[in-house]
């Protein structure tokens, strides 16, 4: 049984991580940290977590912690991951992995030098919906993929994570926050890498220093053209669609973890097959599979190199927003995790 310590126990831990751990089979939470010790103790008491810390270093060095889950604001990821690596603790870092690709490279190199396991929490790789779409594309059910589309919108005004509108803390708006999910999901479903990207976005008074919405055009190495649309100004929606030469695979709210999802196969404009799946175990699978990797039972599907590669795509997208040009994506060696 792998014991996790959660660095930065906040809204994400409450809404997503703790319900995931409740369903997990091979791991549990033994410690958490928050900046305020009184709040840390209150959260620990509420969720029956044995240890509370206000120091990331102390949590990482606790003998009661086998692995560290970094869920702090994006600007803190580098420091917190390096603390865990320095303590010799396997570390699972929330997406986006860093503020830029240089930070990700530093994390990967530190983990490699120390021989410490480093993974990235791209949770949608652990969903039934993305797994089934990947399998059906690989089986040739729609022929060669021509287009791939993923969208992720949510109402972001007055969000509890107020730091999301600070470029110094978040590194970007919805492109960094949820666009990375869309990009990674399409890469996983297509089993392919993004080689070029162009992006356009806009900001408003409420989004302050970061974009409020953006559209990314992706070019994959095998020729598929992808589109990612993200926003903090629209209602929640996460549609996925893969258009092939002989059919279309589609899922409305395909990344949703809260309710069943209908995967549709369409031909000639008609639904010819429908499959109902649930993503309710995605967060549990993610931590269980990292625990298996910690215990040497399996390889974790999303390596540090994979997170670094996703960050290269984000960096290229933000460069494109500024330059107005299509940008090449730097390819990270050994970035493919499956």
Protein backbone atom coordinates (compact mmCIF):
# COMPACT_ATOMS: atom_id res chain seq x y z
CA UNK A 1 0.00 0.00 0.00
CA UNK A 2 1.65 3.21 -1.22
CA UNK A 3 1.20 6.21 1.05
CA UNK A 4 0.83 9.54 -0.74
CA UNK A 5 1.52 13.01 0.59
CA UNK A 6 -0.43 15.75 -1.20
CA UNK A 7 1.41 19.05 -1.60
CA UNK A 8 -1.01 21.97 -1.94
CA UNK A 9 -4.21 20.44 -0.61
CA UNK A 10 -6.90 22.69 -2.12
CA UNK A 11 -10.01 22.64 -4.30
CA UNK A 12 -8.67 20.04 -6.74
CA UNK A 13 -7.80 17.69 -3.90
CA UNK A 14 -11.25 18.07 -2.37
CA UNK A 15 -13.28 17.74 -5.60
CA UNK A 16 -11.26 15.17 -7.51
CA UNK A 17 -8.32 13.60 -5.72
CA UNK A 18 -9.89 12.48 -2.45
CA UNK A 19 -12.89 10.82 -4.17
CA UNK A 20 -10.33 9.08 -6.40
CA UNK A 21 -8.31 7.84 -3.45
CA UNK A 22 -11.54 6.58 -1.85
CA UNK A 23 -11.98 4.27 -4.86
CA UNK A 24 -8.31 3.27 -5.12
CA UNK A 25 -7.11 -0.23 -4.19
CA UNK A 26 -3.36 0.12 -3.76
CA UNK A 27 -2.77 3.53 -2.19
CA UNK A 28 -3.96 5.99 0.41
CA UNK A 29 -3.24 9.54 1.59
CA UNK A 30 -1.05 9.72 4.69
CA UNK A 31 -0.17 13.43 4.68
CA UNK A 32 -1.09 16.82 3.26
CA UNK A 33 0.37 20.29 3.24
CA UNK A 34 -1.16 23.75 3.13
CA UNK A 35 0.49 27.12 3.64
CA UNK A 36 -1.56 27.73 6.79
CA UNK A 37 -1.06 25.11 9.50
CA UNK A 38 -4.49 25.65 11.05
CA UNK A 39 -6.12 25.02 7.65
CA UNK A 40 -3.84 22.03 7.08
CA UNK A 41 -4.89 20.48 10.38
CA UNK A 42 -8.56 21.18 9.66
CA UNK A 43 -8.35 19.51 6.24
CA UNK A 44 -6.49 16.55 7.69
CA UNK A 45 -9.13 16.11 10.36
CA UNK A 46 -11.99 16.41 7.88
CA UNK A 47 -10.57 13.77 5.53
CA UNK A 48 -9.01 11.56 8.23
CA UNK A 49 -5.47 12.09 6.94
CA UNK A 50 -2.89 11.28 9.65
CA UNK A 51 -0.34 14.04 9.08
CA UNK A 52 -0.61 17.77 8.34
CA UNK A 53 2.25 20.05 7.34
CA UNK A 54 2.78 23.69 6.44
CA UNK A 55 6.17 22.85 4.95
CA UNK A 56 6.58 21.08 1.62
CA UNK A 57 10.07 19.98 2.58
CA UNK A 58 8.89 18.42 5.84
CA UNK A 59 6.15 16.49 4.04
CA UNK A 60 8.58 15.20 1.42
CA UNK A 61 11.00 14.00 4.09
CA UNK A 62 8.39 12.34 6.29
CA UNK A 63 9.01 8.59 6.72
CA UNK A 64 5.23 8.16 6.55
CA UNK A 65 5.16 9.35 2.93
CA UNK A 66 6.14 6.95 0.11
CA UNK A 67 5.20 9.17 -2.86
CA UNK A 68 4.41 12.84 -3.36
CA UNK A 69 1.51 14.29 -5.38
CA UNK A 70 2.18 17.91 -6.36
CA UNK A 71 -1.03 19.96 -6.72
CA UNK A 72 0.29 23.43 -5.93
CA UNK A 73 -0.09 26.39 -8.36
CA UNK A 74 1.86 25.86 -11.58
CA UNK A 75 4.64 28.29 -10.62
CA UNK A 76 5.45 26.09 -7.60
CA UNK A 77 5.73 22.79 -9.51
CA UNK A 78 9.45 23.03 -10.25
CA UNK A 79 10.43 23.78 -6.67
CA UNK A 80 8.07 21.17 -5.20
CA UNK A 81 9.06 18.41 -7.63
CA UNK A 82 12.75 19.06 -6.95
CA UNK A 83 12.06 18.90 -3.19
CA UNK A 84 10.46 15.48 -3.60
CA UNK A 85 13.28 14.23 -5.83
CA UNK A 86 15.88 15.52 -3.38
CA UNK A 87 14.09 13.55 -0.64
CA UNK A 88 14.20 10.45 -2.84
CA UNK A 89 10.41 10.29 -3.13
CA UNK A 90 8.62 9.28 -6.35
CA UNK A 91 6.59 12.27 -7.48
CA UNK A 92 3.40 12.64 -9.50
CA UNK A 93 3.05 16.23 -10.71
CA UNK A 94 -0.24 17.82 -11.76
CA UNK A 95 -0.59 19.18 -15.27
CA UNK A 96 0.66 21.43 -16.73
CA UNK A 97 4.00 20.08 -15.61
CA UNK A 98 5.69 23.48 -15.42
CA UNK A 99 5.65 27.11 -16.46
CA UNK A 100 7.72 26.36 -19.53
CA UNK A 101 9.63 23.55 -21.18
CA UNK A 102 12.92 24.56 -19.56
CA UNK A 103 11.41 23.85 -16.13
CA UNK A 104 10.14 20.47 -17.30
CA UNK A 105 13.55 19.56 -18.63
CA UNK A 106 15.08 20.46 -15.27
CA UNK A 107 12.62 18.17 -13.46
CA UNK A 108 13.19 15.26 -15.86
CA UNK A 109 16.96 15.56 -15.66
CA UNK A 110 16.89 15.79 -11.86
CA UNK A 111 14.68 12.71 -11.61
CA UNK A 112 16.87 10.78 -14.02
CA UNK A 113 20.07 11.70 -12.20
CA UNK A 114 18.61 10.71 -8.83
CA UNK A 115 16.91 7.58 -10.16
CA UNK A 116 13.54 8.82 -8.85
CA UNK A 117 10.24 8.06 -10.59
CA UNK A 118 8.56 11.15 -12.08
CA UNK A 119 5.07 11.11 -13.60
CA UNK A 120 2.56 13.69 -14.76
CA UNK A 121 -1.12 13.64 -13.82
CA UNK A 122 -2.79 13.70 -17.24
CA UNK A 123 -5.85 12.04 -15.76
CA UNK A 124 -7.85 11.75 -18.98
CA UNK A 125 -5.49 9.00 -20.15
CA UNK A 126 -7.10 6.86 -17.46
CA UNK A 127 -10.67 7.29 -18.69
CA UNK A 128 -12.79 4.63 -20.36
CA UNK A 129 -13.89 7.14 -23.01
CA UNK A 130 -10.39 7.97 -24.27
CA UNK A 131 -9.29 4.32 -24.01
CA UNK A 132 -12.24 3.15 -26.11
CA UNK A 133 -11.74 5.91 -28.69
CA UNK A 134 -8.05 5.02 -28.94
CA UNK A 135 -8.84 1.32 -29.40
CA UNK A 136 -11.51 1.97 -32.03
CA UNK A 137 -9.26 4.31 -34.02
CA UNK A 138 -6.44 1.75 -33.84
CA UNK A 139 -8.83 -0.98 -35.01
CA UNK A 140 -9.56 1.05 -38.16
CA UNK A 141 -13.27 1.58 -37.48
CA UNK A 142 -13.18 5.04 -39.12
CA UNK A 143 -10.27 4.50 -41.49
CA UNK A 144 -7.40 6.98 -41.55
CA UNK A 145 -8.08 9.89 -39.14
CA UNK A 146 -8.39 13.19 -41.02
CA UNK A 147 -9.56 15.59 -38.30
CA UNK A 148 -9.48 15.40 -34.50
CA UNK A 149 -11.27 17.87 -32.24
CA UNK A 150 -11.30 18.41 -28.49
CA UNK A 151 -12.95 21.28 -26.63
CA UNK A 152 -12.93 22.22 -22.96
CA UNK A 153 -14.89 25.17 -21.59
CA UNK A 154 -15.97 26.06 -18.08
CA UNK A 155 -17.27 29.27 -16.44
CA UNK A 156 -14.13 30.81 -14.93
CA UNK A 157 -15.25 34.18 -13.59
CA UNK A 158 -14.86 34.38 -9.79
CA UNK A 159 -13.26 30.93 -9.77
CA UNK A 160 -12.04 29.59 -6.43
CA UNK A 161 -8.57 29.19 -7.93
CA UNK A 162 -8.03 32.93 -8.19
CA UNK A 163 -4.36 32.41 -9.10
CA UNK A 164 -5.42 31.15 -12.56
CA UNK A 165 -5.60 34.74 -13.84
CA UNK A 166 -2.08 35.55 -12.66
CA UNK A 167 0.42 34.81 -15.43
CA UNK A 168 3.20 34.67 -12.83
CA UNK A 169 1.46 31.81 -11.01
CA UNK A 170 -0.39 29.97 -13.78
CA UNK A 171 1.76 30.54 -16.86
CA UNK A 172 -1.40 31.07 -18.93
CA UNK A 173 -5.17 30.83 -19.03
CA UNK A 174 -7.32 27.95 -20.27
CA UNK A 175 -4.70 26.87 -22.82
CA UNK A 176 -2.38 25.92 -19.95
CA UNK A 177 -5.13 24.86 -17.55
CA UNK A 178 -7.35 22.63 -19.71
CA UNK A 179 -5.92 22.93 -23.21
CA UNK A 180 -3.12 20.64 -22.11
CA UNK A 181 -5.79 18.04 -21.31
CA UNK A 182 -7.30 18.36 -24.79
CA UNK A 183 -3.89 18.13 -26.47
CA UNK A 184 -2.85 15.10 -24.44
CA UNK A 185 -6.20 13.36 -25.02
CA UNK A 186 -5.90 13.75 -28.80
CA UNK A 187 -2.28 12.57 -28.76
CA UNK A 188 -3.30 9.53 -26.74
CA UNK A 189 -6.34 8.67 -28.87
CA UNK A 190 -4.41 9.05 -32.14
CA UNK A 191 -1.18 7.55 -30.77
CA UNK A 192 0.63 10.39 -32.49
CA UNK A 193 2.69 13.51 -31.77
CA UNK A 194 2.04 17.17 -32.56
CA UNK A 195 4.71 18.67 -34.80
CA UNK A 196 3.31 22.16 -35.52
CA UNK A 197 0.80 24.46 -33.86
CA UNK A 198 -0.85 27.78 -34.51
CA UNK A 199 -3.01 29.58 -31.97
CA UNK A 200 -5.27 32.59 -31.52
CA UNK A 201 -6.86 33.85 -28.34
CA UNK A 202 -8.37 36.81 -26.57
CA UNK A 203 -8.35 38.21 -23.06
CA UNK A 204 -10.82 40.46 -21.28
CA UNK A 205 -11.00 42.58 -18.15
CA UNK A 206 -11.74 39.60 -15.91
CA UNK A 207 -9.04 37.31 -17.33
CA UNK A 208 -6.48 40.03 -16.64
CA UNK A 209 -3.02 38.82 -17.70
CA UNK A 210 -4.05 35.59 -19.42
CA UNK A 211 -6.30 34.53 -22.27
CA UNK A 212 -10.01 33.96 -21.66
CA UNK A 213 -10.48 31.78 -24.75
CA UNK A 214 -8.31 30.34 -27.51
CA UNK A 215 -8.31 28.07 -30.52
CA UNK A 216 -5.31 25.90 -31.42
CA UNK A 217 -4.68 24.26 -34.77
CA UNK A 218 -2.50 21.16 -34.47
CA UNK A 219 -0.59 19.24 -37.11
CA UNK A 220 0.19 15.63 -36.18
CA UNK A 221 3.15 13.69 -37.53
CA UNK A 222 0.96 11.17 -39.40
CA UNK A 223 -1.01 13.90 -41.15
CA UNK A 224 -4.10 14.30 -38.96
CA UNK A 225 -5.21 17.89 -38.42
CA UNK A 226 -6.38 18.73 -34.91
CA UNK A 227 -8.38 21.52 -33.34
CA UNK A 228 -8.50 22.46 -29.66
CA UNK A 229 -10.89 25.15 -28.38
CA UNK A 230 -10.76 26.26 -24.74
CA UNK A 231 -12.56 28.94 -22.77
CA UNK A 232 -13.36 30.18 -19.29
CA UNK A 233 -16.33 32.14 -20.69
CA UNK A 234 -18.69 29.35 -21.80
CA UNK A 235 -20.67 26.69 -19.99
CA UNK A 236 -19.00 23.41 -19.14
CA UNK A 237 -18.47 21.23 -22.22
CA UNK A 238 -15.83 18.71 -23.31
CA UNK A 239 -16.79 17.27 -26.72
CA UNK A 240 -14.42 14.91 -28.53
CA UNK A 241 -14.62 14.01 -32.23
CA UNK A 242 -12.38 12.02 -34.56
CA UNK A 243 -13.28 12.23 -38.26
CA UNK A 244 -11.90 9.47 -40.45
CA UNK A 245 -12.11 8.52 -44.11
CA UNK A 246 -14.92 6.03 -43.47
CA UNK A 247 -16.67 7.27 -40.35
CA UNK A 248 -16.80 9.55 -37.33
CA UNK A 249 -16.32 8.77 -33.64
CA UNK A 250 -17.94 11.34 -31.37
CA UNK A 251 -18.60 11.86 -27.66
CA UNK A 252 -20.38 14.86 -26.19
CA UNK A 253 -18.67 15.75 -22.91
CA UNK A 254 -16.21 12.99 -23.72
CA UNK A 255 -13.82 13.95 -20.91
CA UNK A 256 -16.47 14.24 -18.19
CA UNK A 257 -15.85 12.20 -15.03
CA UNK A 258 -19.22 12.74 -13.35
CA UNK A 259 -21.80 11.03 -15.54
CA UNK A 260 -22.01 8.30 -18.22
CA UNK A 261 -20.88 9.23 -21.73
CA UNK A 262 -22.28 8.01 -25.03
CA UNK A 263 -19.65 7.20 -27.65
CA UNK A 264 -21.18 7.29 -31.12
CA UNK A 265 -20.00 5.84 -34.40
CA UNK A 266 -21.49 7.76 -37.33
CA UNK A 267 -21.55 6.91 -41.02
CA UNK A 268 -23.33 8.88 -43.70
CA UNK A 269 -24.60 11.33 -41.10
CA UNK A 270 -26.36 8.58 -39.12
CA UNK A 271 -25.53 7.03 -35.76
CA UNK A 272 -24.83 3.36 -36.55
CA UNK A 273 -23.50 2.34 -33.16
CA UNK A 274 -23.60 3.77 -29.64
CA UNK A 275 -21.63 2.69 -26.57
CA UNK A 276 -22.15 3.92 -22.99
CA UNK A 277 -19.04 4.29 -20.81
CA UNK A 278 -18.19 5.81 -17.44
CA UNK A 279 -15.09 7.72 -16.40
CA UNK A 280 -15.80 7.62 -12.66
CA UNK A 281 -12.69 5.57 -11.88
CA UNK A 282 -10.18 7.76 -13.77
CA UNK A 283 -8.68 9.44 -10.71
CA UNK A 284 -8.50 6.13 -8.82
CA UNK A 285 -6.75 4.43 -11.76
CA UNK A 286 -4.26 7.27 -12.00
CA UNK A 287 -3.03 6.96 -8.41
CA UNK A 288 -3.27 3.16 -8.36
CA UNK A 289 -1.13 2.94 -11.50
CA UNK A 290 1.42 5.34 -10.05
CA UNK A 291 1.47 3.23 -6.88
CA UNK A 292 2.08 0.14 -9.03
CA UNK A 293 5.01 1.93 -10.65
CA UNK A 294 6.39 2.93 -7.24
CA UNK A 295 6.24 -0.71 -6.19
CA UNK A 296 7.92 -1.85 -9.42
CA UNK A 297 4.86 -3.70 -10.73
CA UNK A 298 4.34 -1.66 -13.90
CA UNK A 299 5.47 1.41 -15.82
CA UNK A 300 3.47 4.59 -15.23
CA UNK A 301 1.78 5.60 -18.52
CA UNK A 302 2.61 9.35 -18.39
CA UNK A 303 6.32 9.90 -17.89
CA UNK A 304 8.09 13.13 -17.08
CA UNK A 305 9.23 13.23 -20.70
CA UNK A 306 5.59 13.04 -21.83
CA UNK A 307 4.72 16.01 -19.62
CA UNK A 308 7.72 17.88 -20.98
CA UNK A 309 6.56 17.19 -24.55
CA UNK A 310 3.11 18.57 -23.75
CA UNK A 311 4.76 21.69 -22.37
CA UNK A 312 6.70 22.13 -25.61
CA UNK A 313 3.33 22.23 -27.39
CA UNK A 314 1.97 24.78 -24.92
CA UNK A 315 5.09 26.93 -25.34
CA UNK A 316 4.74 26.78 -29.14
CA UNK A 317 1.05 27.72 -28.87
CA UNK A 318 1.81 30.77 -26.74
CA UNK A 319 4.63 31.77 -29.10
CA UNK A 320 2.16 31.49 -31.98
CA UNK A 321 -0.34 33.74 -30.21
CA UNK A 322 2.34 36.41 -30.03
CA UNK A 323 3.98 35.89 -33.44
CA UNK A 324 0.86 35.24 -35.50
CA UNK A 325 2.73 32.39 -37.20
CA UNK A 326 2.60 28.61 -37.17
CA UNK A 327 5.31 27.35 -34.81
CA UNK A 328 7.25 24.09 -34.93
CA UNK A 329 7.09 21.94 -31.81
CA UNK A 330 10.40 20.76 -30.36
CA UNK A 331 10.37 16.98 -30.03
CA UNK A 332 11.51 15.48 -26.73
CA UNK A 333 13.34 12.17 -26.95
CA UNK A 334 11.45 9.23 -25.38
CA UNK A 335 8.37 11.39 -24.79
CA UNK A 336 5.83 8.76 -25.89
CA UNK A 337 4.58 6.90 -22.85
CA UNK A 338 2.44 4.26 -24.57
